[in-house]
Amino acid sequence: MKFKAIIFDLDGVICFTDEYHYRAWKALADRLNAPFDRTINNRLRGVSRMASLEIILETYTGPELSEEEKAALATEKNEMYRESLKEMSPADLSDEVRETLNALRAKGLKLAIGSSSKNAPFILKQIGLEGYFDAVSDGNNISRSKPDPEVFLKAAEFLGMDPADCLVVEDAVSGAEAGHAGGMKVACLGDAARHGAGDWNMNSFSELLTIVEE
């Protein structure tokens, strides 16, 4: 086969937590009187929590915030977000994704997560995939968020794979850029696919079965 491993972004690829993120950021922005809408929210896709906060603060006109105050705001947002994630369950994992993952594994491919989110382990547990992946690289083990390739390079390292043998699956343009920067081919869904950011731009998750056999 063309690849030995596949590294998946989590949010927007394996499952969808966009709405939970939006609600939490919106609540925080409203409290700061910082204009925030879904267009701004789309800029936060694939971006770390602190980098996302800086984007929101672009429209903030209140008193200057210290680094400690910014850290507290990011923590507040994350607590609201994590509370809402408790609503997630295995029902949030679609049959298509579950069946495709199992089919890819049956082909002998190693499977990993490459997510900027520090909440990745909690989300995987909620949707019934705790312990399923051969490696998980997330916001807890990286210092640079996408489009830096660190999260994907770490995932390849954890798998014991050469980056060139790994396919990245992403829905964010910044994530696709990160995969390419790491020397990997990229298959895109969603927003990234609409922007033509991938080597393959897919309409459905199950198209991966064809891509790995090409």
N, C-alpha and C. Protein backbone atom coordinates (compact mmCIF):
# COMPACT_ATOMS: atom_id res chain seq x y z
N MET A 1 0.84 -1.20 0.00
CA MET A 1 0.00 0.00 0.00
C MET A 1 0.87 1.25 0.00
N LYS A 2 0.25 2.36 -0.36
CA LYS A 2 0.95 3.63 -0.46
C LYS A 2 1.47 4.11 0.90
N PHE A 3 0.73 3.81 1.99
CA PHE A 3 1.08 4.29 3.32
C PHE A 3 1.14 3.15 4.33
N LYS A 4 1.87 3.38 5.42
CA LYS A 4 1.94 2.42 6.50
C LYS A 4 1.13 2.87 7.71
N ALA A 5 0.83 4.17 7.75
CA ALA A 5 0.10 4.72 8.90
C ALA A 5 -0.75 5.91 8.47
N ILE A 6 -1.79 6.16 9.24
CA ILE A 6 -2.65 7.32 9.02
C ILE A 6 -2.75 8.09 10.34
N ILE A 7 -2.55 9.40 10.26
CA ILE A 7 -2.64 10.26 11.44
C ILE A 7 -3.84 11.18 11.25
N PHE A 8 -4.79 11.07 12.14
CA PHE A 8 -6.04 11.82 12.03
C PHE A 8 -6.08 13.02 12.98
N ASP A 9 -6.48 14.16 12.45
CA ASP A 9 -6.94 15.22 13.34
C ASP A 9 -8.19 14.67 14.02
N LEU A 10 -8.54 15.21 15.16
CA LEU A 10 -9.69 14.67 15.89
C LEU A 10 -10.98 15.44 15.59
N ASP A 11 -11.00 16.70 15.99
CA ASP A 11 -12.21 17.51 15.83
C ASP A 11 -12.43 17.88 14.36
N GLY A 12 -13.59 17.52 13.85
CA GLY A 12 -13.91 17.80 12.46
C GLY A 12 -13.55 16.67 11.52
N VAL A 13 -12.88 15.65 12.05
CA VAL A 13 -12.50 14.48 11.24
C VAL A 13 -13.09 13.21 11.84
N ILE A 14 -12.69 12.90 13.07
CA ILE A 14 -13.23 11.71 13.75
C ILE A 14 -14.59 12.02 14.37
N CYS A 15 -14.69 13.20 14.95
CA CYS A 15 -15.95 13.63 15.57
C CYS A 15 -16.06 15.15 15.42
N PHE A 16 -17.16 15.71 15.92
CA PHE A 16 -17.40 17.14 15.72
C PHE A 16 -17.74 17.81 17.05
N THR A 17 -16.85 18.70 17.49
CA THR A 17 -17.08 19.44 18.72
C THR A 17 -17.11 20.95 18.45
N ASP A 18 -17.19 21.32 17.18
CA ASP A 18 -17.18 22.74 16.80
C ASP A 18 -18.20 23.57 17.58
N GLU A 19 -19.41 23.05 17.69
CA GLU A 19 -20.48 23.82 18.34
C GLU A 19 -20.17 24.05 19.82
N TYR A 20 -19.58 23.03 20.47
CA TYR A 20 -19.22 23.18 21.88
C TYR A 20 -18.15 24.26 22.04
N HIS A 21 -17.16 24.25 21.13
CA HIS A 21 -16.12 25.29 21.16
C HIS A 21 -16.74 26.67 20.95
N TYR A 22 -17.60 26.75 19.95
CA TYR A 22 -18.20 28.04 19.62
C TYR A 22 -18.96 28.62 20.80
N ARG A 23 -19.78 27.80 21.45
CA ARG A 23 -20.57 28.28 22.58
C ARG A 23 -19.68 28.81 23.70
N ALA A 24 -18.60 28.09 23.99
CA ALA A 24 -17.71 28.49 25.08
C ALA A 24 -16.97 29.79 24.74
N TRP A 25 -16.43 29.87 23.52
CA TRP A 25 -15.73 31.10 23.12
C TRP A 25 -16.70 32.27 23.04
N LYS A 26 -17.91 32.02 22.57
CA LYS A 26 -18.91 33.07 22.46
C LYS A 26 -19.26 33.63 23.84
N ALA A 27 -19.44 32.75 24.80
CA ALA A 27 -19.77 33.18 26.16
C ALA A 27 -18.64 34.04 26.74
N LEU A 28 -17.40 33.62 26.49
CA LEU A 28 -16.25 34.39 26.99
C LEU A 28 -16.15 35.74 26.29
N ALA A 29 -16.30 35.74 24.96
CA ALA A 29 -16.20 36.98 24.19
C ALA A 29 -17.29 37.96 24.59
N ASP A 30 -18.50 37.45 24.82
CA ASP A 30 -19.60 38.33 25.23
C ASP A 30 -19.29 39.00 26.56
N ARG A 31 -18.68 38.24 27.47
CA ARG A 31 -18.34 38.81 28.78
C ARG A 31 -17.29 39.90 28.65
N LEU A 32 -16.40 39.76 27.64
CA LEU A 32 -15.36 40.75 27.41
C LEU A 32 -15.82 41.88 26.50
N ASN A 33 -17.07 41.79 26.04
CA ASN A 33 -17.60 42.76 25.06
C ASN A 33 -16.73 42.80 23.80
N ALA A 34 -16.24 41.64 23.40
CA ALA A 34 -15.44 41.51 22.18
C ALA A 34 -16.31 40.88 21.10
N PRO A 35 -16.57 41.58 20.00
CA PRO A 35 -17.39 41.01 18.92
C PRO A 35 -16.86 39.64 18.49
N PHE A 36 -17.77 38.68 18.39
CA PHE A 36 -17.38 37.32 18.03
C PHE A 36 -18.52 36.65 17.29
N ASP A 37 -18.20 36.08 16.12
CA ASP A 37 -19.23 35.39 15.34
C ASP A 37 -18.63 34.12 14.74
N ARG A 38 -19.40 33.44 13.92
CA ARG A 38 -18.94 32.16 13.38
C ARG A 38 -17.82 32.34 12.36
N THR A 39 -17.73 33.52 11.74
CA THR A 39 -16.62 33.77 10.82
C THR A 39 -15.31 33.83 11.58
N ILE A 40 -15.30 34.54 12.71
CA ILE A 40 -14.11 34.58 13.56
C ILE A 40 -13.83 33.19 14.11
N ASN A 41 -14.89 32.51 14.52
CA ASN A 41 -14.73 31.17 15.08
C ASN A 41 -14.04 30.22 14.10
N ASN A 42 -14.31 30.40 12.81
CA ASN A 42 -13.71 29.52 11.81
C ASN A 42 -12.19 29.68 11.76
N ARG A 43 -11.69 30.85 12.16
CA ARG A 43 -10.25 31.08 12.20
C ARG A 43 -9.57 30.30 13.32
N LEU A 44 -10.35 29.79 14.26
CA LEU A 44 -9.80 29.08 15.41
C LEU A 44 -9.59 27.60 15.13
N ARG A 45 -10.03 27.13 13.98
CA ARG A 45 -9.94 25.70 13.67
C ARG A 45 -8.49 25.26 13.59
N GLY A 46 -8.16 24.23 14.36
CA GLY A 46 -6.80 23.68 14.35
C GLY A 46 -5.79 24.52 15.10
N VAL A 47 -6.25 25.57 15.80
CA VAL A 47 -5.36 26.50 16.48
C VAL A 47 -5.39 26.23 17.99
N SER A 48 -4.26 26.42 18.66
CA SER A 48 -4.19 26.17 20.10
C SER A 48 -5.09 27.12 20.88
N ARG A 49 -5.33 26.77 22.13
CA ARG A 49 -6.23 27.57 22.96
C ARG A 49 -5.74 29.00 23.14
N MET A 50 -4.45 29.16 23.46
CA MET A 50 -3.93 30.50 23.70
C MET A 50 -3.89 31.32 22.41
N ALA A 51 -3.56 30.67 21.30
CA ALA A 51 -3.56 31.37 20.01
C ALA A 51 -4.98 31.77 19.63
N SER A 52 -5.96 30.92 19.96
CA SER A 52 -7.36 31.24 19.70
C SER A 52 -7.79 32.45 20.52
N LEU A 53 -7.36 32.49 21.78
CA LEU A 53 -7.70 33.64 22.63
C LEU A 53 -7.15 34.93 22.04
N GLU A 54 -5.94 34.90 21.52
CA GLU A 54 -5.34 36.10 20.92
C GLU A 54 -6.15 36.58 19.72
N ILE A 55 -6.70 35.64 18.95
CA ILE A 55 -7.55 36.03 17.81
C ILE A 55 -8.81 36.72 18.31
N ILE A 56 -9.42 36.18 19.36
CA ILE A 56 -10.61 36.80 19.93
C ILE A 56 -10.31 38.18 20.49
N LEU A 57 -9.13 38.33 21.09
CA LEU A 57 -8.77 39.61 21.69
C LEU A 57 -8.44 40.69 20.65
N GLU A 58 -8.39 40.31 19.39
CA GLU A 58 -8.17 41.31 18.33
C GLU A 58 -9.30 42.35 18.31
N THR A 59 -10.49 41.95 18.75
CA THR A 59 -11.63 42.88 18.76
C THR A 59 -11.92 43.40 20.16
N TYR A 60 -11.06 43.09 21.11
CA TYR A 60 -11.25 43.51 22.51
C TYR A 60 -10.73 44.93 22.69
N THR A 61 -11.51 45.80 23.34
CA THR A 61 -11.11 47.20 23.52
C THR A 61 -11.05 47.60 24.99
N GLY A 62 -11.09 46.63 25.89
CA GLY A 62 -11.05 46.92 27.32
C GLY A 62 -9.63 47.14 27.82
N PRO A 63 -9.47 47.17 29.14
CA PRO A 63 -8.15 47.36 29.74
C PRO A 63 -7.17 46.27 29.30
N GLU A 64 -5.90 46.64 29.20
CA GLU A 64 -4.87 45.68 28.78
C GLU A 64 -4.83 44.50 29.75
N LEU A 65 -4.72 43.32 29.19
CA LEU A 65 -4.71 42.10 30.00
C LEU A 65 -3.30 41.59 30.20
N SER A 66 -3.00 41.16 31.42
CA SER A 66 -1.69 40.57 31.69
C SER A 66 -1.68 39.14 31.19
N GLU A 67 -0.49 38.55 31.12
CA GLU A 67 -0.38 37.15 30.69
C GLU A 67 -1.12 36.24 31.66
N GLU A 68 -1.10 36.59 32.93
CA GLU A 68 -1.80 35.79 33.94
C GLU A 68 -3.31 35.86 33.72
N GLU A 69 -3.80 37.06 33.39
CA GLU A 69 -5.24 37.21 33.14
C GLU A 69 -5.65 36.46 31.88
N LYS A 70 -4.79 36.48 30.86
CA LYS A 70 -5.10 35.73 29.64
C LYS A 70 -5.14 34.23 29.92
N ALA A 71 -4.20 33.76 30.72
CA ALA A 71 -4.18 32.34 31.06
C ALA A 71 -5.46 31.96 31.82
N ALA A 72 -5.91 32.85 32.70
CA ALA A 72 -7.13 32.58 33.45
C ALA A 72 -8.36 32.54 32.53
N LEU A 73 -8.38 33.43 31.53
CA LEU A 73 -9.48 33.43 30.57
C LEU A 73 -9.50 32.14 29.76
N ALA A 74 -8.32 31.70 29.33
CA ALA A 74 -8.24 30.46 28.55
C ALA A 74 -8.70 29.27 29.39
N THR A 75 -8.35 29.29 30.67
CA THR A 75 -8.78 28.22 31.58
C THR A 75 -10.29 28.24 31.76
N GLU A 76 -10.85 29.45 31.90
CA GLU A 76 -12.29 29.60 32.05
C GLU A 76 -13.03 29.04 30.83
N LYS A 77 -12.53 29.39 29.63
CA LYS A 77 -13.15 28.87 28.42
C LYS A 77 -13.08 27.35 28.39
N ASN A 78 -11.93 26.80 28.75
CA ASN A 78 -11.77 25.35 28.68
C ASN A 78 -12.69 24.64 29.66
N GLU A 79 -12.90 25.24 30.83
CA GLU A 79 -13.80 24.63 31.81
C GLU A 79 -15.24 24.59 31.28
N MET A 80 -15.65 25.67 30.62
CA MET A 80 -16.99 25.69 30.02
C MET A 80 -17.09 24.64 28.92
N TYR A 81 -16.04 24.55 28.11
CA TYR A 81 -16.00 23.59 27.00
C TYR A 81 -16.03 22.15 27.50
N ARG A 82 -15.17 21.86 28.49
CA ARG A 82 -15.12 20.49 29.03
C ARG A 82 -16.44 20.09 29.67
N GLU A 83 -17.10 21.02 30.29
CA GLU A 83 -18.39 20.72 30.90
C GLU A 83 -19.39 20.31 29.82
N SER A 84 -19.37 21.01 28.69
CA SER A 84 -20.29 20.68 27.61
C SER A 84 -19.92 19.36 26.94
N LEU A 85 -18.62 19.00 26.96
CA LEU A 85 -18.19 17.74 26.34
C LEU A 85 -18.75 16.52 27.06
N LYS A 86 -19.19 16.71 28.29
CA LYS A 86 -19.78 15.58 29.03
C LYS A 86 -21.05 15.09 28.36
N GLU A 87 -21.60 15.93 27.47
CA GLU A 87 -22.80 15.53 26.72
C GLU A 87 -22.45 14.53 25.61
N MET A 88 -21.17 14.44 25.24
CA MET A 88 -20.78 13.54 24.15
C MET A 88 -20.85 12.08 24.59
N SER A 89 -21.06 11.19 23.61
CA SER A 89 -21.16 9.76 23.88
C SER A 89 -20.73 9.01 22.62
N PRO A 90 -20.65 7.68 22.69
CA PRO A 90 -20.33 6.91 21.48
C PRO A 90 -21.26 7.18 20.31
N ALA A 91 -22.44 7.75 20.58
CA ALA A 91 -23.36 8.08 19.50
C ALA A 91 -22.82 9.21 18.63
N ASP A 92 -21.82 9.95 19.14
CA ASP A 92 -21.20 11.03 18.36
C ASP A 92 -20.16 10.51 17.38
N LEU A 93 -19.90 9.22 17.39
CA LEU A 93 -19.02 8.59 16.41
C LEU A 93 -19.89 7.95 15.35
N SER A 94 -19.80 8.44 14.12
CA SER A 94 -20.69 7.94 13.06
C SER A 94 -20.32 6.51 12.67
N ASP A 95 -21.31 5.80 12.13
CA ASP A 95 -21.06 4.44 11.65
C ASP A 95 -20.01 4.45 10.56
N GLU A 96 -20.05 5.47 9.70
CA GLU A 96 -19.09 5.55 8.60
C GLU A 96 -17.66 5.64 9.12
N VAL A 97 -17.44 6.50 10.10
CA VAL A 97 -16.09 6.65 10.66
C VAL A 97 -15.66 5.37 11.36
N ARG A 98 -16.52 4.81 12.17
CA ARG A 98 -16.18 3.58 12.91
C ARG A 98 -15.83 2.45 11.94
N GLU A 99 -16.67 2.24 10.94
CA GLU A 99 -16.44 1.14 10.00
C GLU A 99 -15.20 1.37 9.15
N THR A 100 -14.94 2.63 8.77
CA THR A 100 -13.75 2.93 7.98
C THR A 100 -12.48 2.73 8.79
N LEU A 101 -12.49 3.17 10.05
CA LEU A 101 -11.32 2.96 10.91
C LEU A 101 -11.01 1.47 11.06
N ASN A 102 -12.04 0.69 11.29
CA ASN A 102 -11.83 -0.76 11.45
C ASN A 102 -11.33 -1.39 10.15
N ALA A 103 -11.82 -0.92 9.01
CA ALA A 103 -11.38 -1.45 7.71
C ALA A 103 -9.92 -1.08 7.44
N LEU A 104 -9.54 0.14 7.81
CA LEU A 104 -8.14 0.57 7.62
C LEU A 104 -7.21 -0.26 8.50
N ARG A 105 -7.63 -0.49 9.73
CA ARG A 105 -6.82 -1.32 10.64
C ARG A 105 -6.69 -2.74 10.10
N ALA A 106 -7.78 -3.25 9.53
CA ALA A 106 -7.77 -4.61 8.98
C ALA A 106 -6.79 -4.74 7.82
N LYS A 107 -6.48 -3.62 7.17
CA LYS A 107 -5.50 -3.61 6.08
C LYS A 107 -4.06 -3.59 6.61
N GLY A 108 -3.92 -3.50 7.92
CA GLY A 108 -2.58 -3.51 8.51
C GLY A 108 -1.99 -2.14 8.77
N LEU A 109 -2.79 -1.09 8.57
CA LEU A 109 -2.31 0.27 8.79
C LEU A 109 -2.30 0.62 10.27
N LYS A 110 -1.27 1.35 10.71
CA LYS A 110 -1.24 1.91 12.05
C LYS A 110 -2.08 3.18 12.04
N LEU A 111 -2.79 3.43 13.13
CA LEU A 111 -3.68 4.58 13.21
C LEU A 111 -3.32 5.44 14.42
N ALA A 112 -3.26 6.76 14.20
CA ALA A 112 -2.89 7.67 15.28
C ALA A 112 -3.74 8.93 15.23
N ILE A 113 -3.76 9.64 16.36
CA ILE A 113 -4.40 10.95 16.45
C ILE A 113 -3.31 12.01 16.50
N GLY A 114 -3.52 13.11 15.75
CA GLY A 114 -2.62 14.27 15.80
C GLY A 114 -3.48 15.51 15.98
N SER A 115 -3.71 15.90 17.23
CA SER A 115 -4.63 16.99 17.54
C SER A 115 -3.97 18.04 18.42
N SER A 116 -4.24 19.31 18.15
CA SER A 116 -3.70 20.39 18.98
C SER A 116 -4.42 20.49 20.32
N SER A 117 -5.54 19.79 20.47
CA SER A 117 -6.35 19.91 21.68
C SER A 117 -5.77 19.13 22.86
N LYS A 118 -5.75 19.77 24.01
CA LYS A 118 -5.36 19.08 25.25
C LYS A 118 -6.50 18.20 25.76
N ASN A 119 -7.68 18.38 25.18
CA ASN A 119 -8.84 17.59 25.60
C ASN A 119 -9.01 16.30 24.79
N ALA A 120 -8.07 16.02 23.88
CA ALA A 120 -8.21 14.85 23.02
C ALA A 120 -8.46 13.55 23.80
N PRO A 121 -7.69 13.25 24.86
CA PRO A 121 -7.94 11.99 25.58
C PRO A 121 -9.36 11.91 26.15
N PHE A 122 -9.85 13.03 26.68
CA PHE A 122 -11.20 13.06 27.25
C PHE A 122 -12.25 12.83 26.17
N ILE A 123 -12.08 13.49 25.02
CA ILE A 123 -13.03 13.32 23.92
C ILE A 123 -13.04 11.88 23.43
N LEU A 124 -11.85 11.30 23.26
CA LEU A 124 -11.77 9.91 22.80
C LEU A 124 -12.48 8.97 23.77
N LYS A 125 -12.34 9.24 25.06
CA LYS A 125 -13.04 8.42 26.05
C LYS A 125 -14.55 8.57 25.92
N GLN A 126 -15.01 9.80 25.73
CA GLN A 126 -16.44 10.05 25.64
C GLN A 126 -17.08 9.36 24.44
N ILE A 127 -16.35 9.30 23.32
CA ILE A 127 -16.94 8.71 22.10
C ILE A 127 -16.62 7.22 21.96
N GLY A 128 -16.00 6.64 22.99
CA GLY A 128 -15.77 5.20 22.99
C GLY A 128 -14.52 4.75 22.27
N LEU A 129 -13.54 5.66 22.06
CA LEU A 129 -12.31 5.28 21.36
C LEU A 129 -11.08 5.36 22.26
N GLU A 130 -11.28 5.37 23.56
CA GLU A 130 -10.15 5.37 24.47
C GLU A 130 -9.33 4.08 24.27
N GLY A 131 -8.04 4.23 24.01
CA GLY A 131 -7.18 3.07 23.81
C GLY A 131 -7.26 2.46 22.42
N TYR A 132 -8.08 3.03 21.53
CA TYR A 132 -8.24 2.44 20.20
C TYR A 132 -7.03 2.72 19.30
N PHE A 133 -6.48 3.92 19.35
CA PHE A 133 -5.42 4.31 18.44
C PHE A 133 -4.05 3.82 18.91
N ASP A 134 -3.18 3.56 17.93
CA ASP A 134 -1.84 3.07 18.24
C ASP A 134 -0.97 4.15 18.87
N ALA A 135 -1.32 5.42 18.65
CA ALA A 135 -0.60 6.53 19.27
C ALA A 135 -1.51 7.75 19.29
N VAL A 136 -1.31 8.60 20.29
CA VAL A 136 -2.05 9.86 20.39
C VAL A 136 -1.05 10.98 20.66
N SER A 137 -0.97 11.89 19.73
CA SER A 137 -0.16 13.10 19.89
C SER A 137 -1.14 14.26 19.98
N ASP A 138 -1.05 15.04 21.05
CA ASP A 138 -2.04 16.10 21.24
C ASP A 138 -1.42 17.31 21.92
N GLY A 139 -2.28 18.24 22.34
CA GLY A 139 -1.80 19.47 22.94
C GLY A 139 -1.05 19.29 24.23
N ASN A 140 -1.10 18.08 24.81
CA ASN A 140 -0.39 17.82 26.06
C ASN A 140 1.09 17.50 25.84
N ASN A 141 1.49 17.22 24.59
CA ASN A 141 2.89 16.85 24.37
C ASN A 141 3.58 17.70 23.30
N ILE A 142 2.95 18.83 22.93
CA ILE A 142 3.57 19.70 21.94
C ILE A 142 3.71 21.12 22.49
N SER A 143 4.61 21.88 21.91
CA SER A 143 4.80 23.27 22.32
C SER A 143 4.42 24.24 21.22
N ARG A 144 4.18 23.71 20.01
CA ARG A 144 3.83 24.57 18.87
C ARG A 144 2.60 23.99 18.18
N SER A 145 1.61 24.84 17.91
CA SER A 145 0.38 24.36 17.29
C SER A 145 0.46 24.47 15.77
N LYS A 146 -0.47 23.84 15.10
CA LYS A 146 -0.54 23.89 13.64
C LYS A 146 -0.67 25.34 13.19
N PRO A 147 -0.04 25.75 12.10
CA PRO A 147 0.52 24.95 11.01
C PRO A 147 1.93 24.40 11.22
N ASP A 148 2.49 24.55 12.43
CA ASP A 148 3.76 23.88 12.71
C ASP A 148 3.49 22.37 12.68
N PRO A 149 4.41 21.58 12.12
CA PRO A 149 4.16 20.15 11.96
C PRO A 149 4.44 19.30 13.21
N GLU A 150 4.79 19.94 14.33
CA GLU A 150 5.23 19.18 15.51
C GLU A 150 4.28 18.07 15.91
N VAL A 151 2.97 18.35 15.96
CA VAL A 151 2.02 17.35 16.45
C VAL A 151 2.01 16.11 15.57
N PHE A 152 2.17 16.28 14.26
CA PHE A 152 2.18 15.14 13.35
C PHE A 152 3.53 14.41 13.38
N LEU A 153 4.60 15.16 13.50
CA LEU A 153 5.93 14.53 13.59
C LEU A 153 6.03 13.71 14.87
N LYS A 154 5.45 14.21 15.96
CA LYS A 154 5.44 13.45 17.21
C LYS A 154 4.62 12.18 17.05
N ALA A 155 3.49 12.28 16.36
CA ALA A 155 2.65 11.10 16.15
C ALA A 155 3.42 10.04 15.36
N ALA A 156 4.13 10.46 14.30
CA ALA A 156 4.93 9.53 13.51
C ALA A 156 6.02 8.90 14.38
N GLU A 157 6.62 9.73 15.23
CA GLU A 157 7.67 9.23 16.13
C GLU A 157 7.10 8.19 17.09
N PHE A 158 5.92 8.49 17.67
CA PHE A 158 5.29 7.55 18.60
C PHE A 158 4.95 6.22 17.91
N LEU A 159 4.63 6.30 16.62
CA LEU A 159 4.31 5.09 15.85
C LEU A 159 5.56 4.34 15.41
N GLY A 160 6.71 5.03 15.47
CA GLY A 160 7.94 4.45 14.95
C GLY A 160 7.97 4.44 13.44
N MET A 161 7.33 5.45 12.83
CA MET A 161 7.21 5.52 11.38
C MET A 161 7.96 6.72 10.81
N ASP A 162 8.45 6.54 9.58
CA ASP A 162 9.00 7.67 8.84
C ASP A 162 7.82 8.55 8.41
N PRO A 163 7.93 9.89 8.55
CA PRO A 163 6.83 10.76 8.14
C PRO A 163 6.35 10.50 6.71
N ALA A 164 7.26 10.16 5.82
CA ALA A 164 6.88 9.92 4.42
C ALA A 164 5.95 8.73 4.26
N ASP A 165 5.90 7.86 5.26
CA ASP A 165 5.03 6.69 5.21
C ASP A 165 3.67 6.94 5.85
N CYS A 166 3.45 8.19 6.29
CA CYS A 166 2.21 8.53 6.99
C CYS A 166 1.32 9.44 6.15
N LEU A 167 0.03 9.18 6.19
CA LEU A 167 -0.97 10.04 5.58
C LEU A 167 -1.67 10.82 6.69
N VAL A 168 -1.77 12.13 6.55
CA VAL A 168 -2.49 12.96 7.50
C VAL A 168 -3.91 13.21 6.98
N VAL A 169 -4.88 13.16 7.87
CA VAL A 169 -6.27 13.46 7.51
C VAL A 169 -6.71 14.68 8.31
N GLU A 170 -7.09 15.73 7.61
CA GLU A 170 -7.37 17.03 8.23
C GLU A 170 -8.63 17.68 7.67
N ASP A 171 -9.22 18.58 8.47
CA ASP A 171 -10.34 19.38 7.98
C ASP A 171 -10.02 20.87 8.01
N ALA A 172 -8.86 21.24 8.57
CA ALA A 172 -8.47 22.65 8.66
C ALA A 172 -7.30 22.93 7.73
N VAL A 173 -7.30 24.09 7.10
CA VAL A 173 -6.21 24.46 6.20
C VAL A 173 -4.89 24.49 6.96
N SER A 174 -4.91 25.02 8.19
CA SER A 174 -3.67 25.07 8.98
C SER A 174 -3.15 23.66 9.26
N GLY A 175 -4.06 22.71 9.44
CA GLY A 175 -3.65 21.33 9.67
C GLY A 175 -3.06 20.70 8.43
N ALA A 176 -3.65 21.01 7.27
CA ALA A 176 -3.11 20.50 6.01
C ALA A 176 -1.71 21.07 5.78
N GLU A 177 -1.52 22.34 6.10
CA GLU A 177 -0.21 22.97 5.96
C GLU A 177 0.79 22.30 6.90
N ALA A 178 0.34 21.94 8.09
CA ALA A 178 1.22 21.27 9.06
C ALA A 178 1.66 19.90 8.54
N GLY A 179 0.71 19.16 7.96
CA GLY A 179 1.06 17.85 7.41
C GLY A 179 2.08 17.96 6.31
N HIS A 180 1.87 18.89 5.40
CA HIS A 180 2.82 19.08 4.30
C HIS A 180 4.18 19.55 4.81
N ALA A 181 4.16 20.41 5.83
CA ALA A 181 5.42 20.90 6.40
C ALA A 181 6.21 19.77 7.06
N GLY A 182 5.49 18.73 7.49
CA GLY A 182 6.14 17.58 8.10
C GLY A 182 6.58 16.53 7.09
N GLY A 183 6.40 16.82 5.81
CA GLY A 183 6.81 15.89 4.77
C GLY A 183 5.82 14.76 4.52
N MET A 184 4.56 14.99 4.85
CA MET A 184 3.53 13.97 4.71
C MET A 184 2.51 14.35 3.64
N LYS A 185 1.90 13.36 3.05
CA LYS A 185 0.77 13.60 2.16
C LYS A 185 -0.47 13.85 3.03
N VAL A 186 -1.43 14.60 2.48
CA VAL A 186 -2.60 15.01 3.26
C VAL A 186 -3.89 14.75 2.50
N ALA A 187 -4.85 14.15 3.19
CA ALA A 187 -6.20 13.98 2.67
C ALA A 187 -7.11 14.90 3.48
N CYS A 188 -7.92 15.70 2.80
CA CYS A 188 -8.71 16.71 3.48
C CYS A 188 -10.21 16.45 3.38
N LEU A 189 -10.89 16.90 4.43
CA LEU A 189 -12.35 16.93 4.49
C LEU A 189 -12.79 18.36 4.79
N GLY A 190 -14.07 18.62 4.69
CA GLY A 190 -14.63 19.87 5.17
C GLY A 190 -14.01 21.12 4.57
N ASP A 191 -13.73 22.09 5.46
CA ASP A 191 -13.24 23.39 5.03
C ASP A 191 -11.94 23.27 4.24
N ALA A 192 -11.02 22.43 4.70
CA ALA A 192 -9.73 22.27 4.01
C ALA A 192 -9.93 21.69 2.62
N ALA A 193 -10.87 20.75 2.48
CA ALA A 193 -11.15 20.16 1.16
C ALA A 193 -11.74 21.21 0.23
N ARG A 194 -12.61 22.05 0.76
CA ARG A 194 -13.23 23.10 -0.06
C ARG A 194 -12.18 24.10 -0.56
N HIS A 195 -11.11 24.26 0.20
CA HIS A 195 -10.02 25.16 -0.20
C HIS A 195 -8.96 24.43 -1.04
N GLY A 196 -9.18 23.14 -1.30
CA GLY A 196 -8.23 22.38 -2.11
C GLY A 196 -6.87 22.24 -1.45
N ALA A 197 -6.86 22.15 -0.11
CA ALA A 197 -5.60 22.16 0.63
C ALA A 197 -4.89 20.82 0.65
N GLY A 198 -5.58 19.74 0.26
CA GLY A 198 -4.98 18.41 0.37
C GLY A 198 -4.44 17.86 -0.94
N ASP A 199 -3.67 16.79 -0.82
CA ASP A 199 -3.27 16.03 -2.00
C ASP A 199 -4.49 15.28 -2.52
N TRP A 200 -5.41 14.97 -1.60
CA TRP A 200 -6.73 14.42 -1.93
C TRP A 200 -7.75 15.25 -1.16
N ASN A 201 -8.80 15.68 -1.82
CA ASN A 201 -9.85 16.48 -1.18
C ASN A 201 -11.15 15.68 -1.26
N MET A 202 -11.56 15.18 -0.11
CA MET A 202 -12.61 14.17 -0.04
C MET A 202 -13.99 14.77 0.27
N ASN A 203 -15.00 14.06 -0.18
CA ASN A 203 -16.38 14.39 0.18
C ASN A 203 -16.86 13.56 1.35
N SER A 204 -16.20 12.44 1.60
CA SER A 204 -16.62 11.57 2.70
C SER A 204 -15.42 10.86 3.30
N PHE A 205 -15.53 10.51 4.56
CA PHE A 205 -14.46 9.85 5.31
C PHE A 205 -14.07 8.51 4.69
N SER A 206 -15.06 7.80 4.19
CA SER A 206 -14.81 6.45 3.67
C SER A 206 -13.97 6.45 2.40
N GLU A 207 -13.79 7.61 1.77
CA GLU A 207 -12.92 7.68 0.58
C GLU A 207 -11.48 7.32 0.91
N LEU A 208 -11.14 7.34 2.19
CA LEU A 208 -9.79 6.95 2.60
C LEU A 208 -9.47 5.52 2.17
N LEU A 209 -10.46 4.66 2.12
CA LEU A 209 -10.24 3.27 1.74
C LEU A 209 -9.72 3.16 0.31
N THR A 210 -10.17 4.06 -0.55
CA THR A 210 -9.69 4.09 -1.93
C THR A 210 -8.31 4.71 -2.02
N ILE A 211 -8.11 5.79 -1.25
CA ILE A 211 -6.83 6.51 -1.29
C ILE A 211 -5.66 5.62 -0.89
N VAL A 212 -5.82 4.84 0.15
CA VAL A 212 -4.70 4.03 0.62
C VAL A 212 -4.36 2.89 -0.33
N GLU A 213 -5.28 2.55 -1.22
CA GLU A 213 -5.07 1.45 -2.17
C GLU A 213 -4.56 1.94 -3.50
N GLU A 214 -4.54 3.28 -3.73
CA GLU A 214 -4.14 3.80 -5.05
C GLU A 214 -2.68 3.46 -5.36
